[in-house]
Amino acid sequence: MIYHDTRWGKPTREVQDLFHAMCLEIMQAGLAFQVVLKHEEGMREVLQDFSINYMAHLSKSDIENLCQDTRMIRNRAKIEALIENAKVVSNDPGKLVDLTWAPVHYVQLDHMLTEPAKPADYQEFIRPFVAAFKTWGLKRMGPVTTYSYLQAVGVVNDHALTCCFR
């Protein structure tokens, strides 16, 4: 609830915050988000606060070490995606902001939900985001992860109308 009430859906255009949220959403795929939050502090320590520069310079042996570190969610494909994405973002950090926010003209979309969004509800909306992220070279940013990312960083406000959000 603390994450939900203080961070999820809060609009941000800060590159580091966007990248951090993207990392968490990639790590979440297939897991309960509580698992990610349980590991977040440890991953923050290991990845130097999800530093784009630090992560972009990690080597294959560093990845091997991360896969053994109990503070991490030890999924090699996800860890490799985080490192590859850091390399992509480090080359043009501002592009992450633009790819995230420009399609909605830098204005949060409020879906005024009375029930949770279903994947069928956002298939068309999410398609250009996924295509742009893939074209840029980001890994593991499929439709579900990308939509979760957009929710987390506040591009879409999917808090239910009955929610006491912030």
N, C-alpha and C. Protein backbone atom coordinates (compact mmCIF):
# COMPACT_ATOMS: atom_id res chain seq x y z
N MET A 1 0.82 -1.20 0.00
CA MET A 1 0.00 0.00 0.00
C MET A 1 0.86 1.26 0.00
N ILE A 2 2.02 1.21 0.66
CA ILE A 2 2.88 2.39 0.67
C ILE A 2 3.33 2.72 -0.75
N TYR A 3 3.76 1.71 -1.50
CA TYR A 3 4.15 1.93 -2.89
C TYR A 3 2.96 2.48 -3.67
N HIS A 4 1.82 1.87 -3.53
CA HIS A 4 0.62 2.29 -4.24
C HIS A 4 0.25 3.74 -3.92
N ASP A 5 0.30 4.08 -2.65
CA ASP A 5 -0.17 5.40 -2.22
C ASP A 5 0.85 6.52 -2.42
N THR A 6 2.13 6.17 -2.56
CA THR A 6 3.14 7.24 -2.65
C THR A 6 3.90 7.30 -3.97
N ARG A 7 3.95 6.18 -4.70
CA ARG A 7 4.79 6.16 -5.91
C ARG A 7 4.04 5.78 -7.18
N TRP A 8 3.21 4.74 -7.11
CA TRP A 8 2.55 4.21 -8.31
C TRP A 8 1.60 5.24 -8.89
N GLY A 9 1.81 5.57 -10.13
CA GLY A 9 0.93 6.50 -10.82
C GLY A 9 1.28 7.96 -10.65
N LYS A 10 2.32 8.25 -9.89
CA LYS A 10 2.75 9.63 -9.70
C LYS A 10 3.56 10.05 -10.94
N PRO A 11 3.10 11.05 -11.67
CA PRO A 11 3.81 11.42 -12.90
C PRO A 11 5.26 11.85 -12.65
N THR A 12 6.15 11.30 -13.44
CA THR A 12 7.56 11.70 -13.39
C THR A 12 8.12 11.77 -14.80
N ARG A 13 8.98 12.74 -14.99
CA ARG A 13 9.69 12.87 -16.26
C ARG A 13 11.20 12.84 -16.03
N GLU A 14 11.60 12.46 -14.84
CA GLU A 14 13.02 12.34 -14.51
C GLU A 14 13.55 11.03 -15.08
N VAL A 15 14.61 11.11 -15.86
CA VAL A 15 15.15 9.94 -16.54
C VAL A 15 15.47 8.82 -15.55
N GLN A 16 16.13 9.15 -14.47
CA GLN A 16 16.52 8.12 -13.51
C GLN A 16 15.29 7.44 -12.90
N ASP A 17 14.26 8.22 -12.60
CA ASP A 17 13.03 7.64 -12.04
C ASP A 17 12.33 6.75 -13.06
N LEU A 18 12.31 7.19 -14.32
CA LEU A 18 11.71 6.38 -15.38
C LEU A 18 12.45 5.06 -15.54
N PHE A 19 13.78 5.14 -15.56
CA PHE A 19 14.59 3.93 -15.73
C PHE A 19 14.40 2.98 -14.55
N HIS A 20 14.39 3.51 -13.34
CA HIS A 20 14.17 2.70 -12.14
C HIS A 20 12.83 1.96 -12.25
N ALA A 21 11.79 2.69 -12.61
CA ALA A 21 10.46 2.07 -12.74
C ALA A 21 10.47 1.00 -13.83
N MET A 22 11.15 1.27 -14.93
CA MET A 22 11.24 0.29 -16.01
C MET A 22 11.92 -0.99 -15.51
N CYS A 23 12.99 -0.83 -14.75
CA CYS A 23 13.70 -1.98 -14.20
C CYS A 23 12.77 -2.81 -13.32
N LEU A 24 12.03 -2.15 -12.45
CA LEU A 24 11.11 -2.89 -11.56
C LEU A 24 10.05 -3.62 -12.35
N GLU A 25 9.51 -2.99 -13.38
CA GLU A 25 8.46 -3.64 -14.17
C GLU A 25 9.01 -4.83 -14.95
N ILE A 26 10.23 -4.71 -15.46
CA ILE A 26 10.84 -5.85 -16.15
C ILE A 26 11.05 -6.99 -15.17
N MET A 27 11.53 -6.69 -13.98
CA MET A 27 11.75 -7.74 -12.98
C MET A 27 10.45 -8.36 -12.52
N GLN A 28 9.35 -7.61 -12.58
CA GLN A 28 8.06 -8.09 -12.09
C GLN A 28 7.43 -9.13 -13.00
N ALA A 29 7.71 -9.12 -14.27
CA ALA A 29 7.03 -10.01 -15.22
C ALA A 29 6.98 -11.45 -14.69
N GLY A 30 5.77 -11.95 -14.52
CA GLY A 30 5.57 -13.31 -14.05
C GLY A 30 5.61 -13.48 -12.54
N LEU A 31 5.84 -12.39 -11.83
CA LEU A 31 5.91 -12.45 -10.37
C LEU A 31 4.88 -11.50 -9.75
N ALA A 32 4.55 -11.73 -8.51
CA ALA A 32 3.73 -10.77 -7.78
C ALA A 32 4.60 -9.53 -7.51
N PHE A 33 4.01 -8.36 -7.60
CA PHE A 33 4.80 -7.15 -7.42
C PHE A 33 5.39 -7.07 -6.00
N GLN A 34 4.75 -7.72 -5.05
CA GLN A 34 5.30 -7.75 -3.69
C GLN A 34 6.68 -8.39 -3.66
N VAL A 35 6.93 -9.35 -4.55
CA VAL A 35 8.25 -9.98 -4.63
C VAL A 35 9.28 -8.95 -5.08
N VAL A 36 8.92 -8.13 -6.05
CA VAL A 36 9.83 -7.09 -6.53
C VAL A 36 10.10 -6.09 -5.42
N LEU A 37 9.05 -5.66 -4.74
CA LEU A 37 9.25 -4.68 -3.67
C LEU A 37 10.10 -5.25 -2.54
N LYS A 38 9.96 -6.55 -2.29
CA LYS A 38 10.78 -7.21 -1.26
C LYS A 38 12.27 -7.15 -1.63
N HIS A 39 12.57 -7.24 -2.92
CA HIS A 39 13.95 -7.23 -3.39
C HIS A 39 14.45 -5.83 -3.79
N GLU A 40 13.56 -4.85 -3.81
CA GLU A 40 13.95 -3.54 -4.35
C GLU A 40 15.14 -2.93 -3.63
N GLU A 41 15.14 -2.94 -2.33
CA GLU A 41 16.24 -2.31 -1.59
C GLU A 41 17.56 -3.01 -1.88
N GLY A 42 17.55 -4.33 -1.92
CA GLY A 42 18.76 -5.08 -2.25
C GLY A 42 19.23 -4.79 -3.66
N MET A 43 18.29 -4.75 -4.60
CA MET A 43 18.67 -4.44 -5.98
C MET A 43 19.20 -3.01 -6.08
N ARG A 44 18.60 -2.12 -5.30
CA ARG A 44 19.07 -0.73 -5.27
C ARG A 44 20.53 -0.67 -4.81
N GLU A 45 20.87 -1.47 -3.79
CA GLU A 45 22.26 -1.52 -3.30
C GLU A 45 23.19 -2.09 -4.37
N VAL A 46 22.82 -3.22 -4.92
CA VAL A 46 23.67 -3.92 -5.88
C VAL A 46 23.86 -3.12 -7.17
N LEU A 47 22.81 -2.45 -7.61
CA LEU A 47 22.84 -1.72 -8.89
C LEU A 47 23.11 -0.22 -8.71
N GLN A 48 23.63 0.12 -7.54
CA GLN A 48 23.99 1.51 -7.22
C GLN A 48 22.83 2.45 -7.53
N ASP A 49 21.71 2.19 -6.87
CA ASP A 49 20.50 3.01 -6.99
C ASP A 49 19.96 2.99 -8.42
N PHE A 50 20.09 1.85 -9.09
CA PHE A 50 19.64 1.69 -10.48
C PHE A 50 20.29 2.72 -11.40
N SER A 51 21.54 3.03 -11.11
CA SER A 51 22.29 4.02 -11.89
C SER A 51 22.45 3.57 -13.34
N ILE A 52 21.97 4.39 -14.25
CA ILE A 52 22.07 4.08 -15.68
C ILE A 52 23.53 3.94 -16.08
N ASN A 53 24.36 4.89 -15.68
CA ASN A 53 25.79 4.86 -16.03
C ASN A 53 26.48 3.63 -15.47
N TYR A 54 26.24 3.34 -14.20
CA TYR A 54 26.85 2.17 -13.59
C TYR A 54 26.43 0.89 -14.31
N MET A 55 25.15 0.74 -14.51
CA MET A 55 24.63 -0.49 -15.12
C MET A 55 25.07 -0.64 -16.57
N ALA A 56 25.21 0.47 -17.28
CA ALA A 56 25.62 0.42 -18.69
C ALA A 56 27.04 -0.11 -18.86
N HIS A 57 27.83 -0.04 -17.80
CA HIS A 57 29.23 -0.47 -17.89
C HIS A 57 29.49 -1.82 -17.25
N LEU A 58 28.43 -2.54 -16.88
CA LEU A 58 28.62 -3.86 -16.29
C LEU A 58 29.02 -4.87 -17.38
N SER A 59 29.88 -5.78 -16.99
CA SER A 59 30.41 -6.79 -17.92
C SER A 59 29.65 -8.11 -17.77
N LYS A 60 30.00 -9.06 -18.61
CA LYS A 60 29.39 -10.40 -18.53
C LYS A 60 29.71 -11.05 -17.19
N SER A 61 30.92 -10.85 -16.68
CA SER A 61 31.24 -11.43 -15.37
C SER A 61 30.44 -10.74 -14.26
N ASP A 62 30.17 -9.45 -14.42
CA ASP A 62 29.31 -8.75 -13.45
C ASP A 62 27.91 -9.34 -13.48
N ILE A 63 27.42 -9.63 -14.67
CA ILE A 63 26.08 -10.23 -14.80
C ILE A 63 26.06 -11.58 -14.10
N GLU A 64 27.13 -12.35 -14.27
CA GLU A 64 27.22 -13.65 -13.59
C GLU A 64 27.13 -13.46 -12.08
N ASN A 65 27.84 -12.47 -11.57
CA ASN A 65 27.79 -12.19 -10.12
C ASN A 65 26.40 -11.76 -9.68
N LEU A 66 25.73 -10.94 -10.49
CA LEU A 66 24.37 -10.51 -10.16
C LEU A 66 23.42 -11.69 -10.10
N CYS A 67 23.63 -12.65 -10.98
CA CYS A 67 22.78 -13.84 -11.01
C CYS A 67 22.96 -14.71 -9.77
N GLN A 68 24.03 -14.51 -9.04
CA GLN A 68 24.30 -15.28 -7.83
C GLN A 68 23.95 -14.51 -6.55
N ASP A 69 23.70 -13.22 -6.68
CA ASP A 69 23.47 -12.35 -5.51
C ASP A 69 22.04 -12.50 -5.01
N THR A 70 21.88 -12.90 -3.77
CA THR A 70 20.55 -13.15 -3.21
C THR A 70 19.74 -11.87 -3.03
N ARG A 71 20.37 -10.71 -3.16
CA ARG A 71 19.62 -9.46 -3.07
C ARG A 71 18.87 -9.17 -4.37
N MET A 72 19.23 -9.87 -5.43
CA MET A 72 18.63 -9.69 -6.75
C MET A 72 17.51 -10.70 -6.98
N ILE A 73 16.62 -10.37 -7.88
CA ILE A 73 15.74 -11.38 -8.47
C ILE A 73 16.63 -12.04 -9.52
N ARG A 74 16.98 -13.29 -9.29
CA ARG A 74 18.05 -13.94 -10.05
C ARG A 74 17.54 -14.62 -11.32
N ASN A 75 17.09 -13.80 -12.24
CA ASN A 75 16.64 -14.28 -13.54
C ASN A 75 17.59 -13.68 -14.57
N ARG A 76 18.41 -14.52 -15.16
CA ARG A 76 19.46 -14.06 -16.08
C ARG A 76 18.89 -13.21 -17.22
N ALA A 77 17.82 -13.64 -17.84
CA ALA A 77 17.26 -12.89 -18.98
C ALA A 77 16.82 -11.49 -18.55
N LYS A 78 16.23 -11.40 -17.39
CA LYS A 78 15.79 -10.09 -16.89
C LYS A 78 16.99 -9.21 -16.54
N ILE A 79 17.97 -9.78 -15.89
CA ILE A 79 19.18 -9.01 -15.52
C ILE A 79 19.89 -8.53 -16.78
N GLU A 80 20.03 -9.41 -17.76
CA GLU A 80 20.68 -9.00 -19.02
C GLU A 80 19.89 -7.89 -19.71
N ALA A 81 18.56 -7.96 -19.64
CA ALA A 81 17.73 -6.91 -20.23
C ALA A 81 17.95 -5.57 -19.54
N LEU A 82 18.06 -5.59 -18.22
CA LEU A 82 18.30 -4.34 -17.48
C LEU A 82 19.61 -3.71 -17.93
N ILE A 83 20.64 -4.53 -18.07
CA ILE A 83 21.96 -4.03 -18.47
C ILE A 83 21.92 -3.51 -19.91
N GLU A 84 21.32 -4.26 -20.80
CA GLU A 84 21.20 -3.80 -22.19
C GLU A 84 20.40 -2.51 -22.28
N ASN A 85 19.31 -2.42 -21.52
CA ASN A 85 18.50 -1.21 -21.54
C ASN A 85 19.27 -0.02 -20.98
N ALA A 86 20.09 -0.25 -19.97
CA ALA A 86 20.92 0.84 -19.43
C ALA A 86 21.86 1.35 -20.51
N LYS A 87 22.43 0.45 -21.30
CA LYS A 87 23.32 0.87 -22.39
C LYS A 87 22.57 1.72 -23.41
N VAL A 88 21.37 1.30 -23.77
CA VAL A 88 20.56 2.05 -24.73
C VAL A 88 20.23 3.43 -24.18
N VAL A 89 19.73 3.48 -22.95
CA VAL A 89 19.32 4.75 -22.35
C VAL A 89 20.51 5.68 -22.13
N SER A 90 21.67 5.12 -21.78
CA SER A 90 22.84 5.98 -21.50
C SER A 90 23.29 6.73 -22.75
N ASN A 91 23.00 6.20 -23.93
CA ASN A 91 23.39 6.87 -25.17
C ASN A 91 22.55 8.11 -25.47
N ASP A 92 21.32 8.17 -24.96
CA ASP A 92 20.42 9.30 -25.21
C ASP A 92 19.34 9.32 -24.13
N PRO A 93 19.69 9.72 -22.91
CA PRO A 93 18.73 9.65 -21.80
C PRO A 93 17.42 10.40 -22.05
N GLY A 94 17.48 11.53 -22.70
CA GLY A 94 16.27 12.31 -22.96
C GLY A 94 15.27 11.58 -23.83
N LYS A 95 15.75 10.66 -24.62
CA LYS A 95 14.85 9.92 -25.51
C LYS A 95 13.89 9.05 -24.71
N LEU A 96 14.32 8.56 -23.54
CA LEU A 96 13.42 7.78 -22.71
C LEU A 96 12.23 8.63 -22.27
N VAL A 97 12.50 9.86 -21.91
CA VAL A 97 11.43 10.78 -21.52
C VAL A 97 10.49 10.99 -22.70
N ASP A 98 11.05 11.26 -23.86
CA ASP A 98 10.22 11.53 -25.04
C ASP A 98 9.41 10.32 -25.48
N LEU A 99 10.02 9.14 -25.51
CA LEU A 99 9.27 7.96 -25.91
C LEU A 99 8.18 7.61 -24.91
N THR A 100 8.39 7.96 -23.66
CA THR A 100 7.41 7.69 -22.62
C THR A 100 6.26 8.70 -22.65
N TRP A 101 6.58 9.97 -22.82
CA TRP A 101 5.58 11.03 -22.64
C TRP A 101 5.07 11.69 -23.92
N ALA A 102 5.86 11.76 -24.98
CA ALA A 102 5.43 12.48 -26.18
C ALA A 102 4.14 11.93 -26.80
N PRO A 103 3.94 10.61 -26.83
CA PRO A 103 2.69 10.11 -27.44
C PRO A 103 1.41 10.62 -26.76
N VAL A 104 1.52 11.06 -25.50
CA VAL A 104 0.34 11.61 -24.81
C VAL A 104 0.50 13.12 -24.61
N HIS A 105 1.39 13.72 -25.39
CA HIS A 105 1.62 15.17 -25.37
C HIS A 105 2.02 15.67 -23.98
N TYR A 106 2.75 14.82 -23.24
CA TYR A 106 3.29 15.15 -21.93
C TYR A 106 2.20 15.46 -20.89
N VAL A 107 1.01 14.90 -21.11
CA VAL A 107 -0.12 15.11 -20.20
C VAL A 107 -0.62 13.74 -19.74
N GLN A 108 -0.79 13.58 -18.42
CA GLN A 108 -1.27 12.32 -17.88
C GLN A 108 -2.69 12.03 -18.38
N LEU A 109 -2.91 10.78 -18.75
CA LEU A 109 -4.25 10.33 -19.13
C LEU A 109 -4.94 9.75 -17.91
N ASP A 110 -6.11 10.24 -17.60
CA ASP A 110 -6.87 9.73 -16.46
C ASP A 110 -8.00 8.87 -16.99
N HIS A 111 -7.91 7.58 -16.75
CA HIS A 111 -8.90 6.66 -17.29
C HIS A 111 -10.18 6.58 -16.48
N MET A 112 -10.21 7.22 -15.32
CA MET A 112 -11.43 7.29 -14.51
C MET A 112 -12.06 5.89 -14.35
N LEU A 113 -11.26 4.96 -13.90
CA LEU A 113 -11.67 3.56 -13.83
C LEU A 113 -12.61 3.27 -12.66
N THR A 114 -13.59 2.44 -12.95
CA THR A 114 -14.44 1.92 -11.88
C THR A 114 -14.07 0.47 -11.56
N GLU A 115 -13.26 -0.14 -12.46
CA GLU A 115 -12.73 -1.49 -12.25
C GLU A 115 -11.36 -1.54 -12.92
N PRO A 116 -10.51 -2.48 -12.55
CA PRO A 116 -9.16 -2.55 -13.13
C PRO A 116 -9.18 -2.68 -14.66
N ALA A 117 -8.18 -2.07 -15.29
CA ALA A 117 -8.04 -2.17 -16.75
C ALA A 117 -7.70 -3.61 -17.12
N LYS A 118 -8.23 -4.05 -18.24
CA LYS A 118 -7.94 -5.39 -18.77
C LYS A 118 -7.06 -5.21 -20.01
N PRO A 119 -6.20 -6.17 -20.30
CA PRO A 119 -5.33 -6.04 -21.48
C PRO A 119 -6.07 -5.68 -22.76
N ALA A 120 -7.25 -6.22 -22.96
CA ALA A 120 -8.01 -5.91 -24.18
C ALA A 120 -8.36 -4.42 -24.26
N ASP A 121 -8.46 -3.77 -23.11
CA ASP A 121 -8.83 -2.35 -23.06
C ASP A 121 -7.71 -1.44 -23.57
N TYR A 122 -6.48 -1.90 -23.53
CA TYR A 122 -5.37 -1.01 -23.90
C TYR A 122 -4.50 -1.53 -25.04
N GLN A 123 -4.95 -2.56 -25.75
CA GLN A 123 -4.15 -3.13 -26.84
C GLN A 123 -3.75 -2.09 -27.89
N GLU A 124 -4.69 -1.33 -28.39
CA GLU A 124 -4.39 -0.34 -29.43
C GLU A 124 -3.54 0.80 -28.88
N PHE A 125 -3.86 1.26 -27.69
CA PHE A 125 -3.14 2.37 -27.07
C PHE A 125 -1.66 2.04 -26.90
N ILE A 126 -1.36 0.83 -26.48
CA ILE A 126 0.00 0.47 -26.11
C ILE A 126 0.90 0.14 -27.30
N ARG A 127 0.30 -0.25 -28.41
CA ARG A 127 1.06 -0.71 -29.58
C ARG A 127 2.17 0.27 -30.00
N PRO A 128 1.90 1.58 -30.17
CA PRO A 128 2.99 2.47 -30.61
C PRO A 128 4.11 2.62 -29.58
N PHE A 129 3.80 2.54 -28.29
CA PHE A 129 4.83 2.60 -27.26
C PHE A 129 5.76 1.40 -27.38
N VAL A 130 5.17 0.21 -27.48
CA VAL A 130 5.96 -1.02 -27.58
C VAL A 130 6.84 -0.98 -28.82
N ALA A 131 6.27 -0.55 -29.94
CA ALA A 131 7.04 -0.48 -31.19
C ALA A 131 8.20 0.49 -31.05
N ALA A 132 7.96 1.64 -30.46
CA ALA A 132 9.03 2.64 -30.30
C ALA A 132 10.12 2.14 -29.37
N PHE A 133 9.74 1.50 -28.27
CA PHE A 133 10.74 0.97 -27.34
C PHE A 133 11.58 -0.12 -28.02
N LYS A 134 10.93 -1.00 -28.76
CA LYS A 134 11.67 -2.07 -29.44
C LYS A 134 12.58 -1.51 -30.52
N THR A 135 12.09 -0.54 -31.29
CA THR A 135 12.90 0.07 -32.34
C THR A 135 14.13 0.74 -31.73
N TRP A 136 13.98 1.33 -30.58
CA TRP A 136 15.10 1.99 -29.90
C TRP A 136 16.10 0.96 -29.38
N GLY A 137 15.64 -0.26 -29.16
CA GLY A 137 16.53 -1.33 -28.71
C GLY A 137 16.28 -1.80 -27.29
N LEU A 138 15.21 -1.34 -26.64
CA LEU A 138 14.92 -1.78 -25.28
C LEU A 138 14.45 -3.23 -25.30
N LYS A 139 14.88 -3.98 -24.30
CA LYS A 139 14.57 -5.41 -24.17
C LYS A 139 13.47 -5.64 -23.15
N ARG A 140 12.68 -6.70 -23.39
CA ARG A 140 11.65 -7.17 -22.46
C ARG A 140 10.59 -6.11 -22.16
N MET A 141 10.27 -5.29 -23.15
CA MET A 141 9.23 -4.28 -23.00
C MET A 141 8.06 -4.61 -23.92
N GLY A 142 7.41 -5.74 -23.62
CA GLY A 142 6.23 -6.14 -24.36
C GLY A 142 5.01 -5.35 -23.89
N PRO A 143 3.84 -5.67 -24.40
CA PRO A 143 2.64 -4.89 -24.09
C PRO A 143 2.29 -4.82 -22.60
N VAL A 144 2.33 -5.92 -21.89
CA VAL A 144 1.93 -5.91 -20.48
C VAL A 144 2.95 -5.14 -19.65
N THR A 145 4.24 -5.41 -19.85
CA THR A 145 5.28 -4.71 -19.10
C THR A 145 5.27 -3.22 -19.42
N THR A 146 5.09 -2.88 -20.68
CA THR A 146 5.07 -1.47 -21.06
C THR A 146 3.88 -0.77 -20.45
N TYR A 147 2.71 -1.39 -20.48
CA TYR A 147 1.55 -0.73 -19.87
C TYR A 147 1.75 -0.57 -18.37
N SER A 148 2.30 -1.59 -17.71
CA SER A 148 2.58 -1.49 -16.27
C SER A 148 3.55 -0.35 -15.99
N TYR A 149 4.54 -0.22 -16.85
CA TYR A 149 5.52 0.88 -16.73
C TYR A 149 4.81 2.23 -16.87
N LEU A 150 3.95 2.37 -17.86
CA LEU A 150 3.24 3.64 -18.07
C LEU A 150 2.33 3.96 -16.89
N GLN A 151 1.75 2.94 -16.29
CA GLN A 151 0.96 3.15 -15.07
C GLN A 151 1.86 3.62 -13.93
N ALA A 152 2.98 2.94 -13.76
CA ALA A 152 3.88 3.23 -12.63
C ALA A 152 4.41 4.65 -12.68
N VAL A 153 4.75 5.14 -13.89
CA VAL A 153 5.36 6.47 -14.00
C VAL A 153 4.33 7.57 -14.23
N GLY A 154 3.05 7.21 -14.19
CA GLY A 154 2.00 8.22 -14.23
C GLY A 154 1.55 8.68 -15.60
N VAL A 155 2.00 8.01 -16.67
CA VAL A 155 1.51 8.39 -17.99
C VAL A 155 0.00 8.13 -18.05
N VAL A 156 -0.42 7.01 -17.50
CA VAL A 156 -1.85 6.74 -17.37
C VAL A 156 -2.17 6.63 -15.89
N ASN A 157 -3.26 7.26 -15.50
CA ASN A 157 -3.74 7.15 -14.13
C ASN A 157 -4.82 6.09 -14.12
N ASP A 158 -4.48 4.92 -13.65
CA ASP A 158 -5.43 3.83 -13.57
C ASP A 158 -5.86 3.56 -12.13
N HIS A 159 -5.71 4.55 -11.28
CA HIS A 159 -6.28 4.40 -9.94
C HIS A 159 -7.80 4.41 -10.09
N ALA A 160 -8.46 3.48 -9.44
CA ALA A 160 -9.92 3.43 -9.48
C ALA A 160 -10.48 4.70 -8.84
N LEU A 161 -11.66 5.08 -9.30
CA LEU A 161 -12.30 6.28 -8.75
C LEU A 161 -12.54 6.15 -7.25
N THR A 162 -12.70 4.93 -6.76
CA THR A 162 -12.93 4.69 -5.34
C THR A 162 -11.64 4.66 -4.52
N CYS A 163 -10.50 4.76 -5.20
CA CYS A 163 -9.19 4.70 -4.54
C CYS A 163 -8.92 6.00 -3.80
N CYS A 164 -8.31 5.87 -2.65
CA CYS A 164 -7.95 7.05 -1.85
C CYS A 164 -6.52 7.50 -2.18
N PHE A 165 -6.12 7.28 -3.41
CA PHE A 165 -4.77 7.59 -3.89
C PHE A 165 -4.35 9.00 -3.52
N ARG A 166 -3.22 9.10 -2.85
CA ARG A 166 -2.60 10.37 -2.47
C ARG A 166 -3.61 11.41 -2.05
